[in-house]
Amino acid sequence: MRSGLMFLITAAVCVGQPQYDLLLKGGHVIDPKNGVDAERDVAVSGGKVAAVEPAIDPARARQTIDLTGLYLTPGLVDIHAHLFHTTGIRNAWAGDESIDPDTLSFRTGVTTMCDAGSSGWRNFDRFLFEVIERAQTRVLAFINIAGLGMITDVAEQDKSDFKPEEVVRWKRKYPGIVVGVKSAHYQQPDWASVDRAVEAGKLAGIPVMVDFGYFLPERPYWQLVTEHLRPGDISTHMFRGPVPWIDGHGKVYAYLYRARARGVKFDLGHGGGSFVLRNAVPAVEQGFYPDSISTDLHTHSMNAAMMDMPTTMSKLMAMGMPLGAVVRASTWNPAQEIQHPELGHLTPGAAADVAVWRLLEGDFGFGDAAGGRITGKQRLLCEMTLMGGKVVWDWNQRAKEDYHKLGPTYGIRPGIDRILAPPE
């Protein structure tokens, strides 16, 4: 009898109480993991996705934001960026050219960024303290197999400093942050950097990302992706100029299909000099899409043809990659590549990382790293970003109230305006 009475009292108290903190209403949701590509309302509670349904009553939420005519996707996952911006040593890849993650993440719909080997096992602790632990953006890391990471190109040539066991040590200490191993910029005619990185990946149970920046006859690219990389390992800068993509008949080389069949992942990694349309356009036209779309973000690439994730995604759309496939390669696919399946989707219970988009219609131009240009009719603009249910970017200030409704004092203690007013 007592338990029934308590139930009635609890139910009475709860009548009229909002069930959700926030309701995103009227938008078109694209959530590839869950096969959703339709108009849906998204409810948020306690920083997590609470419901995704065709229609949710606004009375059930404390706040409702009208997103009619806009697209909603999971927050973007950019797995190739350079964020070790406090090294204080200028070089072409990190140091002064890395950026503070919060300067460009939320305004471009990105909620998760992976630093791609700017730090190595010797200086990862500094990167962790000065950047990762201070950022609002979720920052994860591929640790460079070279001890000093990308402080200088010289450091990435020192075979004696390729220490797989040290990478494993950091992975064990920070299992949720260390997502992979990076091999980059190696200029010697052997496979030492790649093979030591793969050894570290095997020991730590994490993928390897390889920037195959220098092409030598002794170690051709086709051997990298068909022999040295394992299933789940990542070849970034996939459309870089020297990568052999198209045969004499205009077809994508067969070795690329063999590599993909082995489970090797192809990451865009646009960057400032690692993307050419002459490779990308025929590959996309033939259906060979990137497994993941990433920026290779740094101060040079963000001010050159790459710009940001929305521009890079729009560039792929201009080549013929469907919007749904572009979203998949920017959310759920990269989340799986870095072994974080809790990210990149809007499943109820998942963190409410959400990007809201306006799909602009018009005449737009997109460039590559070698002076090439392509045009398209659509371009993505990030209207709003939520991280953990909190609005962290709001281009049109949709989450705000009309100031008239806030009253003459904006909630300041009644009468304080008279106390502070100047004499007549």
Protein backbone atom coordinates (compact mmCIF):
# COMPACT_ATOMS: atom_id res chain seq x y z
CA MET A 1 0.00 0.00 0.00
CA ARG A 2 2.80 2.37 0.96
CA SER A 3 4.73 1.71 -2.31
CA GLY A 4 1.59 2.44 -4.34
CA LEU A 5 1.08 5.71 -2.50
CA MET A 6 4.68 6.73 -3.13
CA PHE A 7 4.24 5.96 -6.84
CA LEU A 8 1.15 8.20 -7.00
CA ILE A 9 2.98 11.02 -5.20
CA THR A 10 6.03 10.71 -7.51
CA ALA A 11 3.82 10.65 -10.59
CA ALA A 12 1.93 13.72 -9.40
CA VAL A 13 5.16 15.62 -8.83
CA CYS A 14 6.44 14.66 -12.27
CA VAL A 15 3.31 15.74 -14.13
CA GLY A 16 4.19 18.68 -16.36
CA GLN A 17 7.95 18.32 -15.78
CA PRO A 18 9.97 18.45 -19.05
CA GLN A 19 11.44 15.09 -19.97
CA TYR A 20 14.28 16.48 -22.10
CA ASP A 21 16.77 19.31 -21.69
CA LEU A 22 16.76 20.23 -25.37
CA LEU A 23 14.78 19.37 -28.47
CA LEU A 24 16.26 19.85 -31.94
CA LYS A 25 13.13 19.98 -34.05
CA GLY A 26 12.35 19.71 -37.74
CA GLY A 27 15.78 18.95 -39.16
CA HIS A 28 16.79 16.27 -41.66
CA VAL A 29 18.94 13.74 -39.79
CA ILE A 30 21.72 11.84 -41.55
CA ASP A 31 23.08 9.16 -39.21
CA PRO A 32 24.82 6.49 -41.31
CA LYS A 33 25.47 4.06 -38.44
CA ASN A 34 21.75 3.79 -37.76
CA GLY A 35 20.61 4.03 -41.37
CA VAL A 36 18.72 7.28 -40.79
CA ASP A 37 18.35 9.74 -43.68
CA ALA A 38 15.04 11.49 -43.04
CA GLU A 39 13.35 14.29 -41.14
CA ARG A 40 13.64 13.53 -37.44
CA ASP A 41 13.46 15.33 -34.11
CA VAL A 42 16.40 14.79 -31.77
CA ALA A 43 15.97 15.06 -28.01
CA VAL A 44 18.88 15.60 -25.62
CA SER A 45 19.00 14.90 -21.91
CA GLY A 46 21.95 14.88 -19.52
CA GLY A 47 24.41 15.52 -22.34
CA LYS A 48 23.32 12.44 -24.26
CA VAL A 49 21.00 11.66 -27.15
CA ALA A 50 17.71 10.72 -25.52
CA ALA A 51 15.49 10.07 -28.54
CA VAL A 52 15.45 10.32 -32.34
CA GLU A 53 11.85 10.19 -33.58
CA PRO A 54 9.71 11.48 -36.46
CA ALA A 55 7.92 13.89 -34.11
CA ILE A 56 8.53 14.84 -30.47
CA ASP A 57 6.19 17.18 -28.61
CA PRO A 58 8.02 20.43 -27.67
CA ALA A 59 6.15 20.38 -24.34
CA ARG A 60 8.41 17.49 -23.34
CA ALA A 61 11.55 19.68 -23.50
CA ARG A 62 12.83 22.63 -21.50
CA GLN A 63 14.08 24.27 -24.70
CA THR A 64 13.25 23.71 -28.35
CA ILE A 65 15.34 24.90 -31.30
CA ASP A 66 13.65 24.98 -34.69
CA LEU A 67 15.96 23.51 -37.35
CA THR A 68 13.46 23.24 -40.19
CA GLY A 69 15.23 23.16 -43.55
CA LEU A 70 18.60 22.19 -42.06
CA TYR A 71 20.54 18.93 -41.84
CA LEU A 72 21.67 17.25 -38.60
CA THR A 73 24.59 14.85 -38.44
CA PRO A 74 26.75 13.43 -35.69
CA GLY A 75 29.61 15.71 -34.71
CA LEU A 76 32.45 15.31 -37.20
CA VAL A 77 35.51 13.18 -36.39
CA ASP A 78 38.65 14.60 -38.04
CA ILE A 79 41.36 11.96 -37.64
CA HIS A 80 44.22 13.92 -39.22
CA ALA A 81 45.04 17.31 -37.72
CA HIS A 82 48.11 18.97 -36.17
CA LEU A 83 47.44 20.41 -32.74
CA PHE A 84 50.77 20.39 -30.85
CA HIS A 85 50.86 24.18 -31.14
CA THR A 86 53.05 24.90 -28.11
CA THR A 87 56.30 23.28 -29.24
CA GLY A 88 57.74 26.69 -30.09
CA ILE A 89 59.96 25.22 -32.82
CA ARG A 90 59.09 26.13 -36.39
CA ASN A 91 58.96 23.38 -38.98
CA ALA A 92 56.83 22.37 -41.92
CA TRP A 93 54.56 19.96 -40.08
CA ALA A 94 54.11 20.86 -36.43
CA GLY A 95 55.34 23.49 -33.99
CA ASP A 96 54.37 26.93 -35.18
CA GLU A 97 52.09 25.53 -37.89
CA SER A 98 49.96 23.45 -35.53
CA ILE A 99 46.82 25.13 -34.24
CA ASP A 100 44.82 25.37 -31.04
CA PRO A 101 42.04 22.82 -31.65
CA ASP A 102 39.28 25.06 -30.29
CA THR A 103 39.97 27.78 -32.85
CA LEU A 104 38.49 25.82 -35.76
CA SER A 105 36.70 22.75 -34.42
CA PHE A 106 33.20 23.72 -33.29
CA ARG A 107 32.62 26.37 -35.93
CA THR A 108 33.14 23.67 -38.57
CA GLY A 109 31.00 20.97 -36.97
CA VAL A 110 33.99 19.04 -35.60
CA THR A 111 33.74 17.67 -32.08
CA THR A 112 36.62 15.17 -32.17
CA MET A 113 40.11 15.78 -33.55
CA CYS A 114 43.05 13.39 -33.72
CA ASP A 115 46.53 14.81 -33.76
CA ALA A 116 48.41 12.83 -36.40
CA GLY A 117 51.85 12.33 -34.92
CA SER A 118 52.92 15.87 -34.12
CA SER A 119 54.27 14.51 -30.85
CA GLY A 120 56.35 11.38 -30.40
CA TRP A 121 56.81 9.14 -27.42
CA ARG A 122 59.43 11.50 -25.93
CA ASN A 123 57.22 14.62 -25.83
CA PHE A 124 53.70 13.21 -25.74
CA ASP A 125 53.43 14.12 -22.06
CA ARG A 126 53.91 17.80 -22.91
CA PHE A 127 51.28 17.62 -25.64
CA LEU A 128 48.92 15.92 -23.21
CA PHE A 129 49.37 18.59 -20.53
CA GLU A 130 49.50 21.70 -22.70
CA VAL A 131 46.86 20.85 -25.32
CA ILE A 132 44.78 17.71 -24.82
CA GLU A 133 43.83 18.34 -21.20
CA ARG A 134 43.09 22.02 -21.80
CA ALA A 135 40.97 21.80 -24.96
CA GLN A 136 37.18 21.88 -25.04
CA THR A 137 37.36 19.84 -28.24
CA ARG A 138 37.81 16.10 -27.72
CA VAL A 139 41.46 15.63 -28.72
CA LEU A 140 42.92 12.17 -29.32
CA ALA A 141 46.38 11.25 -30.59
CA PHE A 142 48.40 9.13 -32.96
CA ILE A 143 51.87 8.99 -31.36
CA ASN A 144 54.77 9.30 -33.77
CA ILE A 145 57.10 6.32 -33.84
CA ALA A 146 59.93 8.89 -33.88
CA GLY A 147 60.67 9.95 -30.31
CA LEU A 148 60.46 13.70 -30.92
CA GLY A 149 57.60 13.50 -33.39
CA MET A 150 57.51 16.25 -35.98
CA ILE A 151 59.68 18.79 -34.20
CA THR A 152 62.08 18.43 -37.14
CA ASP A 153 62.33 16.24 -40.20
CA VAL A 154 65.68 15.06 -38.81
CA ALA A 155 63.94 13.45 -35.83
CA GLU A 156 61.82 11.31 -38.15
CA GLN A 157 64.91 9.86 -39.85
CA ASP A 158 66.57 8.60 -36.63
CA LYS A 159 66.02 4.84 -36.69
CA SER A 160 67.58 4.45 -33.25
CA ASP A 161 64.73 6.51 -31.82
CA PHE A 162 61.93 4.35 -33.26
CA LYS A 163 60.83 2.64 -30.02
CA PRO A 164 57.63 0.56 -30.29
CA GLU A 165 57.71 -0.34 -26.60
CA GLU A 166 57.54 3.37 -25.64
CA VAL A 167 54.41 3.89 -27.72
CA VAL A 168 52.88 0.87 -25.99
CA ARG A 169 53.70 2.40 -22.60
CA TRP A 170 51.69 5.55 -23.43
CA LYS A 171 48.81 3.51 -24.84
CA ARG A 172 48.56 1.53 -21.61
CA LYS A 173 48.65 4.70 -19.52
CA TYR A 174 46.11 6.63 -21.62
CA PRO A 175 44.05 3.97 -23.43
CA GLY A 176 41.20 6.31 -24.36
CA ILE A 177 43.42 9.07 -25.75
CA VAL A 178 46.14 7.21 -27.67
CA VAL A 179 44.37 5.87 -30.75
CA GLY A 180 47.22 4.95 -33.08
CA VAL A 181 50.82 5.14 -34.24
CA LYS A 182 52.10 7.51 -36.91
CA SER A 183 54.88 7.04 -39.43
CA ALA A 184 55.66 10.12 -41.50
CA HIS A 185 58.15 11.96 -43.69
CA TYR A 186 60.69 9.14 -43.73
CA GLN A 187 63.21 9.71 -46.53
CA GLN A 188 65.39 6.58 -46.43
CA PRO A 189 65.17 3.77 -49.02
CA ASP A 190 63.96 1.17 -46.50
CA TRP A 191 60.82 0.42 -44.51
CA ALA A 192 62.20 1.05 -41.00
CA SER A 193 59.74 3.79 -40.00
CA VAL A 194 56.70 1.91 -41.30
CA ASP A 195 57.74 -1.47 -39.96
CA ARG A 196 58.58 -0.16 -36.47
CA ALA A 197 55.24 1.66 -36.40
CA VAL A 198 53.44 -1.54 -37.40
CA GLU A 199 55.32 -3.40 -34.67
CA ALA A 200 54.09 -0.82 -32.15
CA GLY A 201 50.57 -1.14 -33.51
CA LYS A 202 50.63 -4.91 -33.08
CA LEU A 203 51.92 -4.68 -29.50
CA ALA A 204 49.43 -1.97 -28.51
CA GLY A 205 46.46 -3.26 -30.49
CA ILE A 206 45.98 0.03 -32.35
CA PRO A 207 46.09 1.10 -36.01
CA VAL A 208 49.01 2.70 -37.81
CA MET A 209 48.61 5.82 -39.93
CA VAL A 210 51.28 6.29 -42.59
CA ASP A 211 52.10 9.53 -44.37
CA PHE A 212 54.04 8.13 -47.31
CA GLY A 213 55.42 11.51 -48.20
CA TYR A 214 58.59 10.48 -50.03
CA PHE A 215 58.43 8.08 -52.96
CA LEU A 216 61.54 6.07 -53.73
CA PRO A 217 62.00 3.19 -56.19
CA GLU A 218 63.13 0.95 -53.34
CA ARG A 219 59.79 1.31 -51.50
CA PRO A 220 56.93 1.94 -53.93
CA TYR A 221 53.51 2.93 -52.62
CA TRP A 222 51.81 -0.23 -53.89
CA GLN A 223 54.01 -2.31 -51.58
CA LEU A 224 53.00 -0.16 -48.61
CA VAL A 225 49.29 -0.84 -48.99
CA THR A 226 49.43 -4.43 -50.26
CA GLU A 227 52.27 -5.84 -48.13
CA HIS A 228 53.29 -3.71 -45.14
CA LEU A 229 50.05 -2.32 -43.72
CA ARG A 230 47.66 -4.58 -41.81
CA PRO A 231 43.87 -4.66 -41.94
CA GLY A 232 42.69 -1.52 -40.15
CA ASP A 233 45.88 0.42 -40.79
CA ILE A 234 45.46 3.78 -42.51
CA SER A 235 47.13 5.25 -45.58
CA THR A 236 46.59 9.01 -45.32
CA HIS A 237 47.10 11.57 -48.12
CA MET A 238 45.44 9.04 -50.42
CA PHE A 239 45.08 11.50 -53.32
CA ARG A 240 48.59 12.93 -53.06
CA GLY A 241 50.16 13.77 -56.43
CA PRO A 242 52.82 11.03 -56.60
CA VAL A 243 50.42 8.21 -55.65
CA PRO A 244 49.73 6.09 -58.76
CA TRP A 245 45.95 6.03 -59.11
CA ILE A 246 44.88 5.88 -62.75
CA ASP A 247 46.24 3.42 -65.33
CA GLY A 248 46.72 4.00 -69.05
CA HIS A 249 43.08 3.16 -69.71
CA GLY A 250 41.76 5.73 -67.24
CA LYS A 251 40.87 3.10 -64.64
CA VAL A 252 41.76 2.95 -60.96
CA TYR A 253 44.75 0.62 -60.53
CA ALA A 254 43.81 -2.88 -59.40
CA TYR A 255 46.32 -2.84 -56.51
CA LEU A 256 44.17 -0.22 -54.74
CA TYR A 257 41.15 -2.54 -54.78
CA ARG A 258 43.35 -5.38 -53.50
CA ALA A 259 44.57 -3.19 -50.66
CA ARG A 260 41.03 -2.22 -49.72
CA ALA A 261 39.97 -5.87 -49.84
CA ARG A 262 42.79 -6.62 -47.36
CA GLY A 263 41.22 -4.10 -44.97
CA VAL A 264 43.61 -1.17 -45.44
CA LYS A 265 41.84 2.15 -44.88
CA PHE A 266 42.30 5.11 -47.22
CA ASP A 267 42.16 8.51 -45.53
CA LEU A 268 41.89 11.78 -47.44
CA GLY A 269 44.33 13.88 -45.37
CA HIS A 270 43.96 16.89 -47.68
CA GLY A 271 46.59 19.18 -46.15
CA GLY A 272 48.40 21.97 -47.90
CA GLY A 273 50.10 19.81 -50.52
CA SER A 274 48.58 16.32 -50.41
CA PHE A 275 45.47 16.44 -52.58
CA VAL A 276 45.23 16.69 -56.36
CA LEU A 277 42.05 16.60 -58.40
CA ARG A 278 43.64 14.61 -61.22
CA ASN A 279 43.76 11.63 -58.85
CA ALA A 280 40.65 12.31 -56.80
CA VAL A 281 38.07 13.03 -59.51
CA PRO A 282 38.45 9.82 -61.57
CA ALA A 283 38.68 7.72 -58.39
CA VAL A 284 35.46 9.19 -56.97
CA GLU A 285 33.73 8.93 -60.34
CA GLN A 286 34.58 5.21 -60.33
CA GLY A 287 33.22 4.79 -56.82
CA PHE A 288 36.52 4.56 -54.96
CA TYR A 289 35.59 6.90 -52.10
CA PRO A 290 37.77 7.77 -49.12
CA ASP A 291 37.12 5.57 -46.10
CA SER A 292 37.59 8.70 -44.01
CA ILE A 293 37.64 12.39 -44.84
CA SER A 294 40.18 14.39 -42.86
CA THR A 295 41.83 17.77 -43.15
CA ASP A 296 45.52 17.46 -42.23
CA LEU A 297 44.75 20.74 -40.50
CA HIS A 298 47.53 23.24 -39.82
CA THR A 299 48.01 26.98 -40.30
CA HIS A 300 49.08 26.57 -43.92
CA SER A 301 46.35 24.20 -45.06
CA MET A 302 43.55 26.10 -43.31
CA ASN A 303 44.47 29.23 -45.27
CA ALA A 304 44.99 27.42 -48.57
CA ALA A 305 42.70 25.26 -50.72
CA MET A 306 41.77 22.83 -47.92
CA MET A 307 40.29 25.47 -45.54
CA ASP A 308 38.28 23.19 -43.22
CA MET A 309 36.16 20.05 -42.94
CA PRO A 310 32.96 21.53 -44.48
CA THR A 311 34.92 22.77 -47.51
CA THR A 312 36.67 19.42 -47.91
CA MET A 313 33.36 17.55 -47.60
CA SER A 314 31.75 19.91 -50.13
CA LYS A 315 34.68 19.30 -52.48
CA LEU A 316 33.96 15.57 -52.45
CA MET A 317 30.29 16.29 -53.17
CA ALA A 318 31.30 18.43 -56.15
CA MET A 319 33.15 15.37 -57.51
CA GLY A 320 30.02 13.24 -57.23
CA MET A 321 30.28 11.63 -53.80
CA PRO A 322 26.74 11.55 -52.32
CA LEU A 323 26.02 13.58 -49.19
CA GLY A 324 25.22 10.46 -47.16
CA ALA A 325 28.54 8.87 -48.10
CA VAL A 326 30.38 12.09 -47.27
CA VAL A 327 28.76 12.18 -43.83
CA ARG A 328 29.62 8.52 -43.21
CA ALA A 329 33.29 9.19 -44.10
CA SER A 330 33.33 12.15 -41.73
CA THR A 331 31.62 10.55 -38.72
CA TRP A 332 31.01 6.83 -38.27
CA ASN A 333 33.84 5.51 -40.48
CA PRO A 334 36.65 7.48 -38.80
CA ALA A 335 35.22 6.70 -35.35
CA GLN A 336 35.60 3.00 -36.15
CA GLU A 337 39.08 3.48 -37.60
CA ILE A 338 40.31 4.94 -34.29
CA GLN A 339 38.46 2.27 -32.26
CA HIS A 340 36.02 4.71 -30.65
CA PRO A 341 32.65 3.21 -31.64
CA GLU A 342 30.88 5.38 -29.06
CA LEU A 343 31.48 8.37 -31.36
CA GLY A 344 30.17 9.35 -34.78
CA HIS A 345 26.47 8.49 -34.39
CA LEU A 346 23.22 9.62 -32.77
CA THR A 347 22.12 6.43 -31.09
CA PRO A 348 20.09 7.10 -27.92
CA GLY A 349 22.56 6.94 -25.04
CA ALA A 350 25.47 8.27 -27.10
CA ALA A 351 27.09 11.59 -26.30
CA ALA A 352 25.03 14.39 -27.87
CA ASP A 353 27.71 15.56 -30.29
CA VAL A 354 25.69 17.07 -33.12
CA ALA A 355 26.47 19.21 -36.16
CA VAL A 356 23.74 21.24 -37.88
CA TRP A 357 24.18 22.20 -41.52
CA ARG A 358 22.76 24.55 -44.09
CA LEU A 359 23.22 23.14 -47.59
CA LEU A 360 23.89 26.21 -49.67
CA GLU A 361 22.87 26.23 -53.34
CA GLY A 362 24.81 28.28 -55.87
CA ASP A 363 28.03 28.35 -57.88
CA PHE A 364 31.06 27.40 -55.78
CA GLY A 365 34.71 26.77 -56.61
CA PHE A 366 37.03 24.30 -54.87
CA GLY A 367 40.78 24.00 -55.28
CA ASP A 368 43.50 21.40 -54.86
CA ALA A 369 47.13 21.62 -53.78
CA ALA A 370 48.53 22.00 -57.28
CA GLY A 371 46.55 24.89 -58.71
CA GLY A 372 43.60 22.80 -59.91
CA ARG A 373 39.96 23.86 -59.55
CA ILE A 374 36.56 22.22 -59.70
CA THR A 375 33.10 23.77 -59.42
CA GLY A 376 30.01 22.58 -57.63
CA LYS A 377 26.43 23.62 -56.94
CA GLN A 378 26.31 22.88 -53.21
CA ARG A 379 28.35 23.84 -50.18
CA LEU A 380 27.98 22.91 -46.52
CA LEU A 381 27.83 25.66 -43.91
CA CYS A 382 27.88 24.77 -40.22
CA GLU A 383 24.94 26.48 -38.51
CA MET A 384 25.32 24.95 -35.05
CA THR A 385 27.42 22.47 -33.11
CA LEU A 386 26.61 20.68 -29.87
CA MET A 387 29.18 18.86 -27.77
CA GLY A 388 27.86 16.71 -24.98
CA GLY A 389 24.47 18.38 -25.38
CA LYS A 390 25.87 21.89 -24.97
CA VAL A 391 25.61 24.42 -27.80
CA VAL A 392 29.23 25.37 -28.53
CA TRP A 393 28.73 27.05 -31.93
CA ASP A 394 25.63 28.92 -33.05
CA TRP A 395 26.07 30.80 -36.33
CA ASN A 396 22.54 32.25 -36.36
CA GLN A 397 22.12 32.35 -32.56
CA ARG A 398 19.14 30.02 -32.75
CA ALA A 399 19.56 28.94 -29.14
CA LYS A 400 19.07 32.51 -27.86
CA GLU A 401 15.82 34.30 -26.97
CA ASP A 402 14.44 37.42 -28.63
CA TYR A 403 15.79 40.07 -26.29
CA HIS A 404 12.34 41.66 -25.96
CA LYS A 405 11.21 38.57 -24.05
CA LEU A 406 13.97 38.96 -21.49
CA GLY A 407 12.38 42.02 -19.93
CA PRO A 408 13.74 45.50 -19.41
CA THR A 409 16.41 44.43 -16.90
CA TYR A 410 17.56 41.14 -18.54
CA GLY A 411 16.98 39.37 -15.25
CA ILE A 412 18.93 41.84 -13.12
CA ARG A 413 17.51 42.24 -9.59
CA PRO A 414 14.33 44.34 -9.80
CA GLY A 415 14.97 47.99 -9.03
CA ILE A 416 18.73 47.83 -9.59
CA ASP A 417 18.35 49.89 -12.76
CA ARG A 418 16.91 52.75 -10.70
CA ILE A 419 19.72 52.54 -8.17
CA LEU A 420 22.36 52.68 -10.90
CA ALA A 421 20.60 55.27 -13.06
CA PRO A 422 22.30 58.69 -13.37
CA PRO A 423 20.48 61.67 -11.84
CA GLU A 424 17.86 63.44 -13.96
